[in-house]
Amino acid sequence: MSQEAKPMHPAPSRENRRACLRREPRGRFKVWCRKGSTGLGPNLALDLLDVSQTGACLVVREPLEPGQEVHIALLGQGHLRPVVTLADIIRCKSLPDGHYEIGVRFRKLLRYADLQHLT
């Protein structure tokens, strides 16, 4: 009798192809998201949904285009100053309340210690 070979590892899920695990923020935190690289202009961020070393998911006030550059600042418990980084918009989805959910990819990885303070 022939026995079918079973794969040693399950096939990777197409739903989550991220290099780093996403984590929900904990405790008190602040988030800023401004268009462009200068960090000037109004703060568009309303909430931080999740964050990883490579990117984040935020709720913002207005739609942003994929490929657009944004200035992100994150301040968590234990931080004396916000962690500031540039990111590119990966996706933007309209929400029922009139706000928008965006996914951003950081141009530089977040330090692991900074991620720990946020999550």
Protein backbone atom coordinates (compact mmCIF):
# COMPACT_ATOMS: atom_id res chain seq x y z
CA MET A 1 0.00 0.00 0.00
CA SER A 2 1.29 3.38 -0.91
CA GLN A 3 1.10 6.13 1.67
CA GLU A 4 0.76 9.77 0.64
CA ALA A 5 3.54 12.02 1.86
CA LYS A 6 2.24 14.76 4.10
CA PRO A 7 3.91 18.15 3.93
CA MET A 8 6.18 18.86 6.90
CA HIS A 9 4.97 22.45 7.19
CA PRO A 10 1.54 23.82 6.33
CA ALA A 11 1.33 26.05 3.30
CA PRO A 12 1.82 29.71 4.20
CA SER A 13 -1.38 31.66 4.56
CA ARG A 14 -2.00 34.22 1.86
CA GLU A 15 -3.91 36.35 4.35
CA ASN A 16 -0.86 37.20 6.49
CA ARG A 17 2.37 37.47 4.55
CA ARG A 18 4.04 39.84 6.97
CA ALA A 19 7.68 39.45 7.97
CA CYS A 20 6.99 40.62 11.54
CA LEU A 21 4.17 39.83 13.92
CA ARG A 22 1.62 42.61 14.37
CA ARG A 23 0.85 43.63 17.95
CA GLU A 24 -1.88 45.73 19.49
CA PRO A 25 -0.74 48.81 21.39
CA ARG A 26 -1.18 48.67 25.14
CA GLY A 27 -1.55 51.21 27.88
CA ARG A 28 -1.43 54.88 27.10
CA PHE A 29 0.03 55.91 23.78
CA LYS A 30 -0.13 58.76 21.30
CA VAL A 31 0.17 58.60 17.54
CA TRP A 32 0.75 61.29 14.93
CA CYS A 33 0.51 60.95 11.15
CA ARG A 34 1.31 63.88 8.89
CA LYS A 35 1.55 64.05 5.10
CA GLY A 36 5.04 64.32 3.63
CA SER A 37 8.45 64.00 5.23
CA THR A 38 8.64 67.32 7.06
CA GLY A 39 6.38 66.48 10.00
CA LEU A 40 4.45 69.69 9.41
CA GLY A 41 0.73 70.05 8.91
CA PRO A 42 -2.27 68.72 10.78
CA ASN A 43 -2.20 65.42 12.64
CA LEU A 44 -4.41 63.04 10.65
CA ALA A 45 -4.17 60.10 13.09
CA LEU A 46 -7.12 59.14 15.27
CA ASP A 47 -6.02 55.71 16.52
CA LEU A 48 -3.27 53.11 16.27
CA LEU A 49 -4.76 49.65 15.62
CA ASP A 50 -1.57 47.59 15.49
CA VAL A 51 2.16 47.96 15.02
CA SER A 52 5.14 45.80 14.11
CA GLN A 53 8.81 46.46 13.45
CA THR A 54 8.02 46.94 9.75
CA GLY A 55 4.77 48.91 9.76
CA ALA A 56 1.49 49.86 11.37
CA CYS A 57 -2.24 50.13 10.86
CA LEU A 58 -3.89 53.43 11.79
CA VAL A 59 -7.26 55.16 11.60
CA VAL A 60 -6.98 58.61 10.00
CA ARG A 61 -9.29 61.55 9.23
CA GLU A 62 -8.87 61.67 5.46
CA PRO A 63 -7.96 59.32 2.62
CA LEU A 64 -4.30 58.87 1.70
CA GLU A 65 -3.04 57.41 -1.56
CA PRO A 66 -0.94 54.22 -1.74
CA GLY A 67 2.68 55.21 -2.31
CA GLN A 68 2.24 58.53 -0.51
CA GLU A 69 4.91 59.41 2.07
CA VAL A 70 3.88 60.14 5.67
CA HIS A 71 5.66 61.21 8.84
CA ILE A 72 4.72 58.95 11.77
CA ALA A 73 5.41 59.57 15.47
CA LEU A 74 4.57 57.05 18.20
CA LEU A 75 4.77 57.71 21.92
CA GLY A 76 4.25 54.82 24.32
CA GLN A 77 4.64 54.21 28.02
CA GLY A 78 8.29 54.47 28.99
CA HIS A 79 9.22 56.71 26.07
CA LEU A 80 10.58 60.14 26.91
CA ARG A 81 10.27 61.27 23.29
CA PRO A 82 8.19 59.96 20.41
CA VAL A 83 9.68 57.43 18.02
CA VAL A 84 9.68 59.26 14.69
CA THR A 85 9.90 57.54 11.32
CA LEU A 86 8.98 57.98 7.67
CA ALA A 87 6.58 55.51 6.10
CA ASP A 88 4.83 54.78 2.83
CA ILE A 89 1.09 54.20 2.53
CA ILE A 90 0.43 50.62 1.44
CA ARG A 91 -3.36 50.63 1.54
CA CYS A 92 -6.28 52.87 2.45
CA LYS A 93 -9.79 51.61 3.19
CA SER A 94 -12.92 53.66 3.90
CA LEU A 95 -14.67 52.95 7.21
CA PRO A 96 -18.43 53.25 7.87
CA ASP A 97 -17.92 56.20 10.26
CA GLY A 98 -16.35 58.36 7.52
CA HIS A 99 -12.75 57.81 8.63
CA TYR A 100 -10.10 55.71 6.89
CA GLU A 101 -7.94 52.75 7.87
CA ILE A 102 -4.42 52.88 6.45
CA GLY A 103 -1.57 50.41 6.40
CA VAL A 104 1.92 51.89 6.37
CA ARG A 105 5.36 50.38 5.83
CA PHE A 106 8.16 52.01 7.78
CA ARG A 107 11.23 52.95 5.77
CA LYS A 108 13.44 51.78 8.66
CA LEU A 109 12.66 48.99 11.10
CA LEU A 110 11.45 50.06 14.54
CA ARG A 111 13.92 49.16 17.26
CA TYR A 112 12.72 46.15 19.23
CA ALA A 113 12.93 48.14 22.50
CA ASP A 114 10.65 50.83 21.04
CA LEU A 115 8.17 48.18 19.90
CA GLN A 116 8.19 46.73 23.44
CA HIS A 117 7.26 50.15 24.91
CA LEU A 118 4.31 50.41 22.53
CA THR A 119 3.00 46.89 22.94
